Amino acid sequence: MTGLHEGAVAEEPVVLYAEFTARADSVAVVEGLIRDYAKSVSAEPGNLRFDIYRRQEEPTRFFVFEIYRDRAAFEAHLGAEPGRAFNEVLVEHIEGAGSDLRFLTPVPR
């Protein structure tokens, strides 16, 4: 038994990536901020993945790959206080107004 009602469909995970560029003089600060934030996000019950990368050819460019259990988990993530506090500080250390978010859809095998 799956726990779903007859005819119900399991909600798909929410998969996305976020990219942002640190100011050249703030790379270390941004790296510290995102590492600390990752600990908070990873503790969220609906978070399945929060991986941080930097582009090899452009080390000021950060790439964060995220997966949430479902839409409700993603919405809870968006409403969480640590995210608001993180973004408020991050915007002072990056180029532009914030992260560029891109949502992904799985391709069936």
N, C-alpha and C. Protein backbone atom coordinates (compact mmCIF):
# COMPACT_ATOMS: atom_id res chain seq x y z
N MET A 1 0.84 -1.17 0.00
CA MET A 1 0.00 0.00 0.00
C MET A 1 0.89 1.24 0.00
N THR A 2 0.58 2.22 -0.83
CA THR A 2 1.43 3.40 -0.98
C THR A 2 1.04 4.54 -0.07
N GLY A 3 -0.11 4.52 0.52
CA GLY A 3 -0.56 5.62 1.35
C GLY A 3 -1.34 6.66 0.55
N LEU A 4 -1.43 6.50 -0.76
CA LEU A 4 -2.20 7.42 -1.60
C LEU A 4 -3.62 6.91 -1.73
N HIS A 5 -4.57 7.81 -1.84
CA HIS A 5 -5.95 7.41 -2.10
C HIS A 5 -6.04 6.91 -3.54
N GLU A 6 -7.02 6.07 -3.80
CA GLU A 6 -7.20 5.55 -5.14
C GLU A 6 -7.38 6.70 -6.12
N GLY A 7 -6.63 6.69 -7.21
CA GLY A 7 -6.71 7.73 -8.22
C GLY A 7 -5.81 8.92 -7.94
N ALA A 8 -5.23 9.01 -6.73
CA ALA A 8 -4.35 10.12 -6.40
C ALA A 8 -2.99 9.90 -7.05
N VAL A 9 -2.35 10.98 -7.41
CA VAL A 9 -1.04 10.92 -8.04
C VAL A 9 -0.03 11.57 -7.10
N ALA A 10 1.10 10.90 -6.90
CA ALA A 10 2.14 11.47 -6.06
C ALA A 10 2.67 12.74 -6.71
N GLU A 11 2.84 13.77 -5.90
CA GLU A 11 3.35 15.03 -6.43
C GLU A 11 4.84 14.88 -6.73
N GLU A 12 5.25 15.48 -7.83
CA GLU A 12 6.64 15.43 -8.26
C GLU A 12 7.50 16.32 -7.35
N PRO A 13 8.76 15.95 -7.21
CA PRO A 13 9.68 16.84 -6.50
C PRO A 13 9.86 18.15 -7.26
N VAL A 14 10.23 19.19 -6.54
CA VAL A 14 10.57 20.47 -7.15
C VAL A 14 12.09 20.50 -7.29
N VAL A 15 12.55 20.64 -8.53
CA VAL A 15 13.99 20.62 -8.84
C VAL A 15 14.35 21.94 -9.50
N LEU A 16 15.39 22.56 -9.02
CA LEU A 16 15.80 23.85 -9.58
C LEU A 16 17.27 24.09 -9.34
N TYR A 17 17.78 25.10 -10.03
CA TYR A 17 19.10 25.60 -9.70
C TYR A 17 19.04 27.12 -9.60
N ALA A 18 19.91 27.63 -8.78
CA ALA A 18 20.04 29.08 -8.59
C ALA A 18 21.47 29.46 -8.94
N GLU A 19 21.61 30.57 -9.64
CA GLU A 19 22.94 31.08 -9.96
C GLU A 19 23.03 32.54 -9.55
N PHE A 20 24.19 32.93 -9.10
CA PHE A 20 24.46 34.33 -8.79
C PHE A 20 25.96 34.54 -8.86
N THR A 21 26.34 35.80 -9.06
CA THR A 21 27.75 36.15 -9.19
C THR A 21 28.15 37.03 -8.01
N ALA A 22 29.17 36.57 -7.29
CA ALA A 22 29.69 37.35 -6.17
C ALA A 22 30.52 38.51 -6.71
N ARG A 23 30.49 39.62 -6.01
CA ARG A 23 31.40 40.71 -6.34
C ARG A 23 32.82 40.18 -6.10
N ALA A 24 33.76 40.64 -6.89
CA ALA A 24 35.14 40.12 -6.81
C ALA A 24 35.72 40.24 -5.41
N ASP A 25 35.38 41.28 -4.68
CA ASP A 25 35.92 41.47 -3.33
C ASP A 25 35.09 40.78 -2.25
N SER A 26 34.05 40.04 -2.66
CA SER A 26 33.16 39.40 -1.68
C SER A 26 33.06 37.88 -1.85
N VAL A 27 33.91 37.28 -2.66
CA VAL A 27 33.80 35.84 -2.94
C VAL A 27 33.88 35.02 -1.65
N ALA A 28 34.85 35.32 -0.80
CA ALA A 28 35.00 34.55 0.45
C ALA A 28 33.79 34.75 1.36
N VAL A 29 33.27 35.95 1.41
CA VAL A 29 32.09 36.23 2.24
C VAL A 29 30.89 35.43 1.72
N VAL A 30 30.68 35.48 0.40
CA VAL A 30 29.56 34.76 -0.20
C VAL A 30 29.70 33.26 0.04
N GLU A 31 30.90 32.74 -0.12
CA GLU A 31 31.11 31.31 0.12
C GLU A 31 30.76 30.94 1.56
N GLY A 32 31.15 31.75 2.51
CA GLY A 32 30.80 31.49 3.91
C GLY A 32 29.31 31.57 4.16
N LEU A 33 28.66 32.58 3.57
CA LEU A 33 27.21 32.73 3.73
C LEU A 33 26.46 31.52 3.18
N ILE A 34 26.82 31.10 1.98
CA ILE A 34 26.09 29.99 1.35
C ILE A 34 26.37 28.66 2.05
N ARG A 35 27.57 28.49 2.58
CA ARG A 35 27.86 27.26 3.34
C ARG A 35 27.01 27.20 4.61
N ASP A 36 26.92 28.33 5.32
CA ASP A 36 26.10 28.37 6.53
C ASP A 36 24.62 28.16 6.20
N TYR A 37 24.18 28.79 5.13
CA TYR A 37 22.78 28.65 4.72
C TYR A 37 22.46 27.21 4.32
N ALA A 38 23.41 26.54 3.69
CA ALA A 38 23.21 25.14 3.28
C ALA A 38 22.91 24.25 4.48
N LYS A 39 23.54 24.53 5.60
CA LYS A 39 23.27 23.73 6.81
C LYS A 39 21.81 23.89 7.24
N SER A 40 21.31 25.10 7.18
CA SER A 40 19.92 25.38 7.55
C SER A 40 18.96 24.72 6.58
N VAL A 41 19.20 24.89 5.28
CA VAL A 41 18.30 24.32 4.26
C VAL A 41 18.31 22.79 4.34
N SER A 42 19.48 22.21 4.51
CA SER A 42 19.59 20.74 4.57
C SER A 42 18.83 20.16 5.76
N ALA A 43 18.59 20.96 6.79
CA ALA A 43 17.84 20.50 7.96
C ALA A 43 16.33 20.61 7.76
N GLU A 44 15.89 21.29 6.71
CA GLU A 44 14.46 21.40 6.44
C GLU A 44 13.91 20.02 6.10
N PRO A 45 12.76 19.63 6.65
CA PRO A 45 12.24 18.28 6.43
C PRO A 45 11.95 17.95 4.97
N GLY A 46 11.62 18.93 4.15
CA GLY A 46 11.29 18.66 2.76
C GLY A 46 12.43 18.82 1.79
N ASN A 47 13.61 19.18 2.29
CA ASN A 47 14.76 19.35 1.39
C ASN A 47 15.45 18.01 1.17
N LEU A 48 15.66 17.67 -0.09
CA LEU A 48 16.33 16.43 -0.44
C LEU A 48 17.77 16.66 -0.90
N ARG A 49 18.04 17.87 -1.39
CA ARG A 49 19.38 18.16 -1.91
C ARG A 49 19.60 19.66 -1.95
N PHE A 50 20.80 20.08 -1.57
CA PHE A 50 21.21 21.48 -1.66
C PHE A 50 22.72 21.46 -1.85
N ASP A 51 23.14 21.41 -3.11
CA ASP A 51 24.55 21.28 -3.46
C ASP A 51 25.07 22.60 -4.01
N ILE A 52 26.22 23.01 -3.53
CA ILE A 52 26.82 24.29 -3.92
C ILE A 52 28.04 24.03 -4.80
N TYR A 53 28.11 24.79 -5.88
CA TYR A 53 29.24 24.71 -6.81
C TYR A 53 29.70 26.12 -7.19
N ARG A 54 30.93 26.19 -7.67
CA ARG A 54 31.42 27.40 -8.32
C ARG A 54 31.89 27.00 -9.70
N ARG A 55 31.65 27.86 -10.66
CA ARG A 55 32.07 27.57 -12.04
C ARG A 55 33.59 27.61 -12.12
N GLN A 56 34.18 26.60 -12.76
CA GLN A 56 35.64 26.55 -12.91
C GLN A 56 36.15 27.72 -13.73
N GLU A 57 35.45 28.04 -14.81
CA GLU A 57 35.92 29.10 -15.70
C GLU A 57 35.55 30.50 -15.21
N GLU A 58 34.73 30.57 -14.17
CA GLU A 58 34.28 31.87 -13.65
C GLU A 58 34.05 31.71 -12.14
N PRO A 59 35.13 31.72 -11.34
CA PRO A 59 35.03 31.38 -9.92
C PRO A 59 34.19 32.32 -9.06
N THR A 60 33.80 33.46 -9.59
CA THR A 60 32.90 34.32 -8.81
C THR A 60 31.45 33.91 -8.99
N ARG A 61 31.19 32.98 -9.91
CA ARG A 61 29.83 32.54 -10.24
C ARG A 61 29.49 31.29 -9.43
N PHE A 62 28.43 31.40 -8.61
CA PHE A 62 27.98 30.28 -7.78
C PHE A 62 26.76 29.62 -8.42
N PHE A 63 26.67 28.31 -8.26
CA PHE A 63 25.60 27.50 -8.81
C PHE A 63 25.11 26.60 -7.68
N VAL A 64 23.81 26.66 -7.37
CA VAL A 64 23.25 25.85 -6.29
C VAL A 64 22.15 24.96 -6.87
N PHE A 65 22.31 23.65 -6.73
CA PHE A 65 21.35 22.66 -7.22
C PHE A 65 20.49 22.24 -6.04
N GLU A 66 19.15 22.35 -6.20
CA GLU A 66 18.23 22.09 -5.09
C GLU A 66 17.11 21.13 -5.50
N ILE A 67 16.74 20.25 -4.58
CA ILE A 67 15.58 19.37 -4.77
C ILE A 67 14.76 19.38 -3.48
N TYR A 68 13.45 19.57 -3.66
CA TYR A 68 12.50 19.54 -2.53
C TYR A 68 11.49 18.43 -2.78
N ARG A 69 11.04 17.81 -1.72
CA ARG A 69 10.14 16.66 -1.79
C ARG A 69 8.92 16.92 -2.68
N ASP A 70 8.33 18.10 -2.55
CA ASP A 70 7.13 18.44 -3.32
C ASP A 70 6.94 19.95 -3.27
N ARG A 71 5.87 20.42 -3.87
CA ARG A 71 5.59 21.86 -3.93
C ARG A 71 5.42 22.44 -2.53
N ALA A 72 4.75 21.72 -1.64
CA ALA A 72 4.54 22.21 -0.27
C ALA A 72 5.88 22.40 0.45
N ALA A 73 6.79 21.47 0.26
CA ALA A 73 8.12 21.59 0.89
C ALA A 73 8.88 22.79 0.33
N PHE A 74 8.75 23.02 -0.97
CA PHE A 74 9.42 24.17 -1.58
C PHE A 74 8.81 25.47 -1.06
N GLU A 75 7.49 25.52 -0.95
CA GLU A 75 6.83 26.72 -0.43
C GLU A 75 7.25 26.98 1.02
N ALA A 76 7.37 25.92 1.81
CA ALA A 76 7.83 26.07 3.19
C ALA A 76 9.25 26.63 3.22
N HIS A 77 10.08 26.15 2.31
CA HIS A 77 11.46 26.66 2.20
C HIS A 77 11.45 28.16 1.89
N LEU A 78 10.62 28.56 0.95
CA LEU A 78 10.56 29.98 0.58
C LEU A 78 10.12 30.86 1.73
N GLY A 79 9.25 30.34 2.59
CA GLY A 79 8.72 31.12 3.70
C GLY A 79 9.56 31.07 4.97
N ALA A 80 10.63 30.28 4.96
CA ALA A 80 11.44 30.11 6.17
C ALA A 80 12.29 31.35 6.46
N GLU A 81 12.41 31.70 7.70
CA GLU A 81 13.16 32.89 8.12
C GLU A 81 14.63 32.85 7.71
N PRO A 82 15.32 31.71 7.80
CA PRO A 82 16.73 31.71 7.40
C PRO A 82 16.95 32.17 5.94
N GLY A 83 16.03 31.84 5.06
CA GLY A 83 16.15 32.26 3.67
C GLY A 83 16.01 33.76 3.51
N ARG A 84 15.08 34.34 4.22
CA ARG A 84 14.91 35.79 4.16
C ARG A 84 16.16 36.49 4.65
N ALA A 85 16.69 36.04 5.78
CA ALA A 85 17.89 36.65 6.35
C ALA A 85 19.09 36.46 5.43
N PHE A 86 19.24 35.27 4.86
CA PHE A 86 20.34 34.99 3.94
C PHE A 86 20.29 35.92 2.73
N ASN A 87 19.13 36.01 2.10
CA ASN A 87 18.99 36.84 0.89
C ASN A 87 19.20 38.32 1.18
N GLU A 88 18.79 38.75 2.36
CA GLU A 88 18.98 40.15 2.73
C GLU A 88 20.46 40.51 2.79
N VAL A 89 21.28 39.62 3.33
CA VAL A 89 22.72 39.86 3.41
C VAL A 89 23.39 39.58 2.07
N LEU A 90 22.99 38.52 1.40
CA LEU A 90 23.62 38.12 0.14
C LEU A 90 23.58 39.24 -0.90
N VAL A 91 22.46 39.92 -1.01
CA VAL A 91 22.29 40.94 -2.05
C VAL A 91 23.35 42.05 -1.95
N GLU A 92 23.90 42.24 -0.77
CA GLU A 92 24.96 43.25 -0.59
C GLU A 92 26.29 42.80 -1.18
N HIS A 93 26.43 41.50 -1.47
CA HIS A 93 27.72 40.94 -1.88
C HIS A 93 27.72 40.34 -3.29
N ILE A 94 26.63 40.50 -4.00
CA ILE A 94 26.55 39.93 -5.34
C ILE A 94 26.22 41.01 -6.37
N GLU A 95 26.49 40.65 -7.61
CA GLU A 95 26.12 41.52 -8.72
C GLU A 95 24.64 41.29 -9.03
N GLY A 96 23.93 42.33 -9.37
CA GLY A 96 22.51 42.19 -9.69
C GLY A 96 21.65 42.22 -8.45
N ALA A 97 20.37 41.96 -8.68
CA ALA A 97 19.37 42.09 -7.61
C ALA A 97 19.12 40.80 -6.84
N GLY A 98 19.68 39.68 -7.27
CA GLY A 98 19.44 38.42 -6.56
C GLY A 98 19.80 37.23 -7.41
N SER A 99 19.40 36.07 -6.95
CA SER A 99 19.69 34.82 -7.65
C SER A 99 18.80 34.65 -8.87
N ASP A 100 19.34 34.02 -9.87
CA ASP A 100 18.59 33.64 -11.07
C ASP A 100 18.14 32.20 -10.87
N LEU A 101 16.84 31.98 -10.71
CA LEU A 101 16.29 30.64 -10.47
C LEU A 101 15.81 30.02 -11.77
N ARG A 102 16.12 28.74 -11.97
CA ARG A 102 15.67 27.97 -13.13
C ARG A 102 15.11 26.64 -12.64
N PHE A 103 13.85 26.40 -12.97
CA PHE A 103 13.19 25.16 -12.56
C PHE A 103 13.38 24.10 -13.64
N LEU A 104 13.55 22.86 -13.21
CA LEU A 104 13.84 21.75 -14.11
C LEU A 104 12.71 20.72 -14.10
N THR A 105 12.52 20.09 -15.24
CA THR A 105 11.54 19.01 -15.38
C THR A 105 12.29 17.75 -15.79
N PRO A 106 12.05 16.63 -15.12
CA PRO A 106 12.78 15.41 -15.49
C PRO A 106 12.38 14.92 -16.88
N VAL A 107 13.35 14.37 -17.56
CA VAL A 107 13.11 13.76 -18.87
C VAL A 107 12.97 12.25 -18.63
N PRO A 108 11.85 11.66 -19.04
CA PRO A 108 11.67 10.21 -18.81
C PRO A 108 12.76 9.41 -19.51
N ARG A 109 13.17 8.34 -18.89
CA ARG A 109 14.21 7.47 -19.46
C ARG A 109 13.60 6.49 -20.43
